[in-house]
N, C-alpha and C. Protein backbone atom coordinates (compact mmCIF):
# COMPACT_ATOMS: atom_id res chain seq x y z
N MET A 1 0.79 -1.15 -0.02
CA MET A 1 -0.04 0.15 0.02
C MET A 1 0.83 1.26 0.06
N GLU A 2 1.91 1.19 0.84
CA GLU A 2 2.80 2.39 0.83
C GLU A 2 3.46 2.69 -0.39
N ILE A 3 3.79 1.58 -1.17
CA ILE A 3 4.36 1.69 -2.50
C ILE A 3 3.55 2.57 -3.39
N ALA A 4 2.18 2.35 -3.47
CA ALA A 4 1.32 3.17 -4.20
C ALA A 4 1.39 4.69 -3.81
N LEU A 5 1.46 5.04 -2.52
CA LEU A 5 1.58 6.34 -2.13
C LEU A 5 2.95 6.99 -2.66
N VAL A 6 4.05 6.09 -2.38
CA VAL A 6 5.33 6.67 -2.54
C VAL A 6 5.51 6.85 -4.12
N GLN A 7 4.91 6.15 -4.87
CA GLN A 7 5.01 6.23 -6.47
C GLN A 7 4.33 7.44 -6.91
N THR A 8 3.33 7.88 -6.35
CA THR A 8 2.54 9.00 -6.62
C THR A 8 3.36 10.28 -6.19
N TYR A 9 3.87 10.09 -5.02
CA TYR A 9 4.73 11.11 -4.46
C TYR A 9 5.89 11.41 -5.25
N ARG A 10 6.56 10.43 -5.83
CA ARG A 10 7.83 10.55 -6.60
C ARG A 10 7.46 11.16 -7.93
N ALA A 11 6.21 10.75 -8.44
CA ALA A 11 5.82 11.18 -9.87
C ALA A 11 5.60 12.64 -9.98
N ASP A 12 5.23 13.28 -8.84
CA ASP A 12 4.85 14.71 -8.95
C ASP A 12 5.47 15.46 -7.81
N GLU A 13 6.18 16.46 -8.06
CA GLU A 13 6.86 17.15 -7.07
C GLU A 13 5.93 18.03 -6.26
N ASN A 14 4.77 18.23 -6.65
CA ASN A 14 3.71 19.05 -6.06
C ASN A 14 2.95 18.22 -4.93
N MET A 15 3.20 17.03 -4.98
CA MET A 15 2.51 16.05 -4.00
C MET A 15 3.05 16.38 -2.62
N THR A 16 1.93 16.51 -1.61
CA THR A 16 2.35 16.90 -0.36
C THR A 16 1.81 15.90 0.72
N ASP A 17 2.14 15.86 1.87
CA ASP A 17 1.76 15.13 2.97
C ASP A 17 0.20 15.25 3.07
N TRP A 18 -0.22 16.64 2.94
CA TRP A 18 -1.59 16.99 3.04
C TRP A 18 -2.41 16.30 1.89
N GLU A 19 -2.05 16.21 0.69
CA GLU A 19 -2.73 15.46 -0.29
C GLU A 19 -2.81 13.99 0.03
N THR A 20 -1.71 13.46 0.53
CA THR A 20 -1.68 12.03 0.94
C THR A 20 -2.64 11.80 2.12
N LEU A 21 -2.71 12.62 3.06
CA LEU A 21 -3.69 12.51 4.26
C LEU A 21 -5.13 12.53 3.63
N ASN A 22 -5.37 13.50 2.75
CA ASN A 22 -6.77 13.51 2.30
C ASN A 22 -7.16 12.16 1.53
N ALA A 23 -6.21 11.70 0.80
CA ALA A 23 -6.53 10.47 0.07
C ALA A 23 -6.66 9.40 1.09
N LEU A 24 -6.00 9.18 1.97
CA LEU A 24 -6.09 8.23 3.01
C LEU A 24 -7.36 8.40 3.80
N ASN A 25 -7.75 9.50 4.27
CA ASN A 25 -8.96 9.82 4.96
C ASN A 25 -10.18 9.47 4.23
N ALA A 26 -10.11 9.88 2.93
CA ALA A 26 -11.18 9.42 2.02
C ALA A 26 -11.42 7.96 1.93
N LEU A 27 -10.41 7.37 1.70
CA LEU A 27 -10.34 5.94 1.59
C LEU A 27 -10.89 5.16 2.83
N ILE A 28 -10.43 5.61 4.02
CA ILE A 28 -10.80 5.16 5.25
C ILE A 28 -12.39 5.35 5.33
N ARG A 29 -12.75 6.49 5.03
CA ARG A 29 -14.29 6.80 5.16
C ARG A 29 -15.23 6.00 4.23
N GLU A 30 -14.60 5.69 3.09
CA GLU A 30 -15.37 4.84 2.15
C GLU A 30 -15.47 3.45 2.55
N TYR A 31 -14.23 2.92 3.10
CA TYR A 31 -14.32 1.42 3.64
C TYR A 31 -15.02 1.50 4.96
N THR A 32 -15.12 2.37 5.77
CA THR A 32 -15.93 2.46 6.86
C THR A 32 -17.48 2.36 6.53
N ALA A 33 -17.81 3.09 5.47
CA ALA A 33 -19.18 3.11 5.07
C ALA A 33 -19.45 1.54 4.50
N VAL A 34 -18.60 1.01 3.81
CA VAL A 34 -18.74 -0.36 3.28
C VAL A 34 -18.95 -1.15 4.50
N GLN A 35 -18.10 -1.17 5.33
CA GLN A 35 -18.22 -2.15 6.68
C GLN A 35 -19.53 -1.97 7.45
N ARG A 36 -20.05 -0.78 7.30
CA ARG A 36 -21.27 -0.66 8.01
C ARG A 36 -22.59 -0.78 7.14
N HIS A 37 -22.30 -1.26 5.87
CA HIS A 37 -23.41 -1.53 4.88
C HIS A 37 -24.08 -0.33 4.54
N ARG A 38 -23.32 0.75 4.43
CA ARG A 38 -23.93 2.08 3.88
C ARG A 38 -23.25 2.48 2.56
N GLN A 39 -23.98 3.49 2.00
CA GLN A 39 -23.38 3.85 0.74
C GLN A 39 -22.15 4.72 1.08
N PRO A 40 -21.15 4.45 0.34
CA PRO A 40 -19.84 5.19 0.47
C PRO A 40 -20.22 6.77 0.12
N PRO A 41 -19.61 7.75 0.93
CA PRO A 41 -19.83 9.09 0.62
C PRO A 41 -19.10 9.52 -0.55
N HIS A 42 -19.50 10.57 -1.25
CA HIS A 42 -18.82 11.20 -2.40
C HIS A 42 -17.89 12.23 -1.68
N ILE A 43 -16.63 12.07 -2.00
CA ILE A 43 -15.64 13.10 -1.35
C ILE A 43 -14.87 13.67 -2.39
N SER A 44 -14.90 15.03 -2.51
CA SER A 44 -14.19 15.74 -3.55
C SER A 44 -12.85 16.04 -3.14
N LEU A 45 -11.77 15.54 -4.04
CA LEU A 45 -10.42 15.68 -3.71
C LEU A 45 -9.83 16.47 -4.78
N SER A 46 -8.52 16.99 -4.45
CA SER A 46 -7.79 17.74 -5.39
C SER A 46 -7.33 16.55 -6.48
N PRO A 47 -6.89 17.06 -7.66
CA PRO A 47 -6.34 16.04 -8.67
C PRO A 47 -5.14 15.19 -7.99
N LEU A 48 -4.35 15.74 -7.30
CA LEU A 48 -3.34 14.95 -6.73
C LEU A 48 -3.73 13.78 -5.61
N ALA A 49 -4.49 14.40 -4.96
CA ALA A 49 -5.24 13.45 -3.84
C ALA A 49 -5.99 12.45 -4.48
N GLN A 50 -6.80 12.91 -5.48
CA GLN A 50 -7.62 11.84 -6.21
C GLN A 50 -6.77 10.61 -6.86
N GLN A 51 -5.65 11.06 -7.52
CA GLN A 51 -4.74 10.19 -8.16
C GLN A 51 -4.19 9.16 -7.14
N SER A 52 -3.83 9.73 -5.99
CA SER A 52 -3.36 8.91 -4.96
C SER A 52 -4.32 7.98 -4.28
N HIS A 53 -5.48 8.53 -4.13
CA HIS A 53 -6.54 7.72 -3.60
C HIS A 53 -6.93 6.67 -4.69
N ASP A 54 -7.01 6.90 -5.94
CA ASP A 54 -7.36 5.90 -6.95
C ASP A 54 -6.35 4.73 -6.90
N GLU A 55 -4.99 5.10 -7.03
CA GLU A 55 -3.98 4.14 -6.89
C GLU A 55 -3.83 3.29 -5.68
N LEU A 56 -4.15 3.89 -4.64
CA LEU A 56 -4.18 3.14 -3.32
C LEU A 56 -5.40 2.23 -3.23
N LYS A 57 -6.48 2.69 -3.75
CA LYS A 57 -7.82 1.90 -3.61
C LYS A 57 -7.46 0.63 -4.50
N LEU A 58 -6.92 0.76 -5.68
CA LEU A 58 -6.70 -0.31 -6.62
C LEU A 58 -5.78 -1.45 -5.72
N VAL A 59 -4.87 -0.94 -5.02
CA VAL A 59 -4.06 -1.84 -4.37
C VAL A 59 -4.72 -2.53 -3.25
N CYS A 60 -5.68 -1.76 -2.51
CA CYS A 60 -6.54 -2.26 -1.48
C CYS A 60 -7.48 -3.30 -1.98
N GLU A 61 -8.07 -2.99 -3.19
CA GLU A 61 -9.02 -3.97 -3.76
C GLU A 61 -8.37 -5.21 -4.05
N GLY A 62 -7.13 -5.13 -4.45
CA GLY A 62 -6.40 -6.33 -4.80
C GLY A 62 -6.26 -7.17 -3.54
N TRP A 63 -5.66 -6.57 -2.51
CA TRP A 63 -5.59 -7.33 -1.17
C TRP A 63 -6.90 -7.89 -0.74
N LEU A 64 -8.05 -7.14 -0.99
CA LEU A 64 -9.31 -7.70 -0.57
C LEU A 64 -9.81 -8.84 -1.49
N GLY A 65 -9.10 -8.96 -2.69
CA GLY A 65 -9.58 -10.09 -3.46
C GLY A 65 -10.47 -9.69 -4.62
N ASN A 66 -10.64 -8.34 -4.57
CA ASN A 66 -11.72 -7.71 -5.54
C ASN A 66 -11.15 -7.20 -6.88
N ALA A 67 -9.89 -7.27 -7.14
CA ALA A 67 -9.21 -6.80 -8.21
C ALA A 67 -7.86 -7.45 -8.38
N PRO A 68 -7.26 -7.62 -9.57
CA PRO A 68 -5.89 -8.20 -9.75
C PRO A 68 -4.93 -7.31 -8.96
N VAL A 69 -3.84 -7.85 -8.63
CA VAL A 69 -2.90 -7.22 -7.91
C VAL A 69 -1.50 -7.18 -8.77
N VAL A 70 -0.98 -5.86 -8.71
CA VAL A 70 0.10 -5.69 -9.63
C VAL A 70 1.30 -5.41 -8.73
N ASP A 71 2.49 -5.96 -8.99
CA ASP A 71 3.57 -5.90 -8.03
C ASP A 71 4.31 -4.44 -8.51
N GLU A 72 5.46 -4.39 -7.72
CA GLU A 72 6.29 -3.14 -7.95
C GLU A 72 6.82 -2.90 -9.37
N ALA A 73 6.99 -4.15 -10.05
CA ALA A 73 7.50 -4.04 -11.40
C ALA A 73 6.34 -4.05 -12.50
N GLY A 74 5.05 -3.72 -12.02
CA GLY A 74 4.03 -3.71 -12.92
C GLY A 74 3.46 -5.05 -13.41
N GLN A 75 3.90 -5.94 -12.81
CA GLN A 75 3.42 -7.44 -13.34
C GLN A 75 2.33 -7.93 -12.41
N MET A 76 1.33 -8.65 -13.03
CA MET A 76 0.27 -9.22 -12.27
C MET A 76 0.73 -10.29 -11.49
N THR A 77 0.33 -10.37 -10.25
CA THR A 77 0.74 -11.41 -9.36
C THR A 77 -0.44 -12.05 -8.66
N ASP A 78 -0.28 -13.32 -8.18
CA ASP A 78 -1.36 -13.99 -7.47
C ASP A 78 -1.07 -14.15 -6.10
N LEU A 79 -2.08 -13.61 -5.26
CA LEU A 79 -1.76 -13.59 -3.85
C LEU A 79 -2.31 -15.00 -3.23
N GLY A 80 -2.85 -15.89 -4.07
CA GLY A 80 -3.24 -17.16 -3.62
C GLY A 80 -4.41 -16.98 -2.59
N ASP A 81 -4.41 -17.53 -1.45
CA ASP A 81 -5.39 -17.33 -0.31
C ASP A 81 -4.89 -16.33 0.67
N LYS A 82 -4.12 -15.40 0.36
CA LYS A 82 -3.60 -14.45 1.33
C LYS A 82 -4.45 -13.12 1.35
N ASP A 83 -5.73 -13.20 0.73
CA ASP A 83 -6.50 -11.98 0.83
C ASP A 83 -6.65 -11.44 2.29
N LEU A 84 -6.76 -10.14 2.39
CA LEU A 84 -6.96 -9.51 3.58
C LEU A 84 -8.36 -9.17 3.86
N SER A 85 -8.84 -9.05 5.17
CA SER A 85 -10.34 -8.60 5.47
C SER A 85 -10.39 -7.24 5.36
N LEU A 86 -11.64 -6.65 5.39
CA LEU A 86 -11.78 -5.33 5.31
C LEU A 86 -11.17 -4.54 6.42
N GLN A 87 -11.33 -5.18 7.69
CA GLN A 87 -10.85 -4.61 8.81
C GLN A 87 -9.26 -4.57 8.87
N GLU A 88 -8.51 -5.48 8.27
CA GLU A 88 -7.21 -5.53 8.16
C GLU A 88 -6.72 -4.49 7.22
N ILE A 89 -7.41 -4.27 6.15
CA ILE A 89 -7.10 -3.15 5.17
C ILE A 89 -7.27 -1.80 5.86
N MET A 90 -8.29 -1.61 6.63
CA MET A 90 -8.59 -0.23 7.29
C MET A 90 -7.51 0.03 8.39
N ASP A 91 -7.11 -1.14 9.07
CA ASP A 91 -6.08 -1.00 10.17
C ASP A 91 -4.70 -0.58 9.47
N CYS A 92 -4.30 -1.17 8.40
CA CYS A 92 -3.18 -0.81 7.58
C CYS A 92 -3.30 0.81 7.04
N LEU A 93 -4.40 1.18 6.52
CA LEU A 93 -4.54 2.49 6.21
C LEU A 93 -4.40 3.50 7.35
N LYS A 94 -4.95 3.13 8.44
CA LYS A 94 -4.83 3.97 9.58
C LYS A 94 -3.37 4.03 10.14
N ARG A 95 -2.69 2.94 10.00
CA ARG A 95 -1.30 2.88 10.45
C ARG A 95 -0.44 3.82 9.52
N ILE A 96 -0.70 3.71 8.26
CA ILE A 96 -0.05 4.60 7.15
C ILE A 96 -0.29 6.04 7.48
N ARG A 97 -1.67 6.34 7.82
CA ARG A 97 -2.04 7.69 8.05
C ARG A 97 -1.24 8.19 9.31
N LYS A 98 -1.06 7.32 10.25
CA LYS A 98 -0.45 7.76 11.55
C LYS A 98 1.07 8.14 11.14
N SER A 99 1.67 7.41 10.31
CA SER A 99 3.06 7.49 9.89
C SER A 99 3.20 8.81 9.21
N VAL A 100 2.34 9.15 8.31
CA VAL A 100 2.27 10.47 7.53
C VAL A 100 2.28 11.60 8.54
N GLU A 101 1.32 11.50 9.42
CA GLU A 101 0.97 12.56 10.43
C GLU A 101 2.31 12.64 11.36
N TYR A 102 2.93 11.65 11.72
CA TYR A 102 4.12 11.59 12.48
C TYR A 102 5.14 12.41 11.62
N GLY A 103 5.39 11.94 10.44
CA GLY A 103 6.39 12.59 9.56
C GLY A 103 6.15 14.06 9.37
N GLN A 104 4.94 14.48 9.29
CA GLN A 104 4.61 15.88 9.28
C GLN A 104 5.09 16.64 10.40
N LYS A 105 4.78 16.12 11.56
CA LYS A 105 5.18 16.77 12.78
C LYS A 105 6.71 16.97 13.03
N ARG A 106 7.28 15.87 12.55
CA ARG A 106 8.78 15.90 12.73
C ARG A 106 9.54 16.90 11.72
N ARG A 107 8.90 17.33 10.66
CA ARG A 107 9.46 18.11 9.63
C ARG A 107 9.06 19.66 9.98
N ARG A 108 8.05 19.87 10.84
CA ARG A 108 7.70 21.11 11.22
C ARG A 108 8.93 21.89 11.99
N PRO A 109 9.15 23.15 11.60
CA PRO A 109 10.10 23.94 12.35
C PRO A 109 9.70 24.18 13.73
N ALA A 110 10.71 24.21 14.73
CA ALA A 110 10.44 24.45 15.97
C ALA A 110 9.90 25.73 16.28
N ARG A 111 9.08 25.97 17.18
CA ARG A 111 8.54 27.39 17.43
C ARG A 111 9.48 28.02 18.43
N LEU A 112 9.80 29.28 18.16
CA LEU A 112 10.52 30.14 19.08
C LEU A 112 9.79 30.60 20.19
N LEU A 113 10.44 30.50 21.49
CA LEU A 113 9.63 30.92 22.56
C LEU A 113 10.01 32.37 22.96
């Protein structure tokens, strides 16, 4: 999952942590709605966040067994019976979100007192 985000980040120098967080939050909200058997919300994202969201969702859908999985080299791969549950996907997304938030805090300049 992280690879999808990193590839988007490397492909466009305008990609920011903020865009990444928006993409992650949107996907978490969508999967939360699915888990609760509700209609996923329509969330408007900037073009960069939308691209990141779409690529990440494709990876997640592959891990859920709903779509083909493409490896780092762009080749189709078979996960066999290693599909993840929706809760496991959401846990991973939340862990990645926490990592992005932590990275943001570490890069902020210290305030002068």
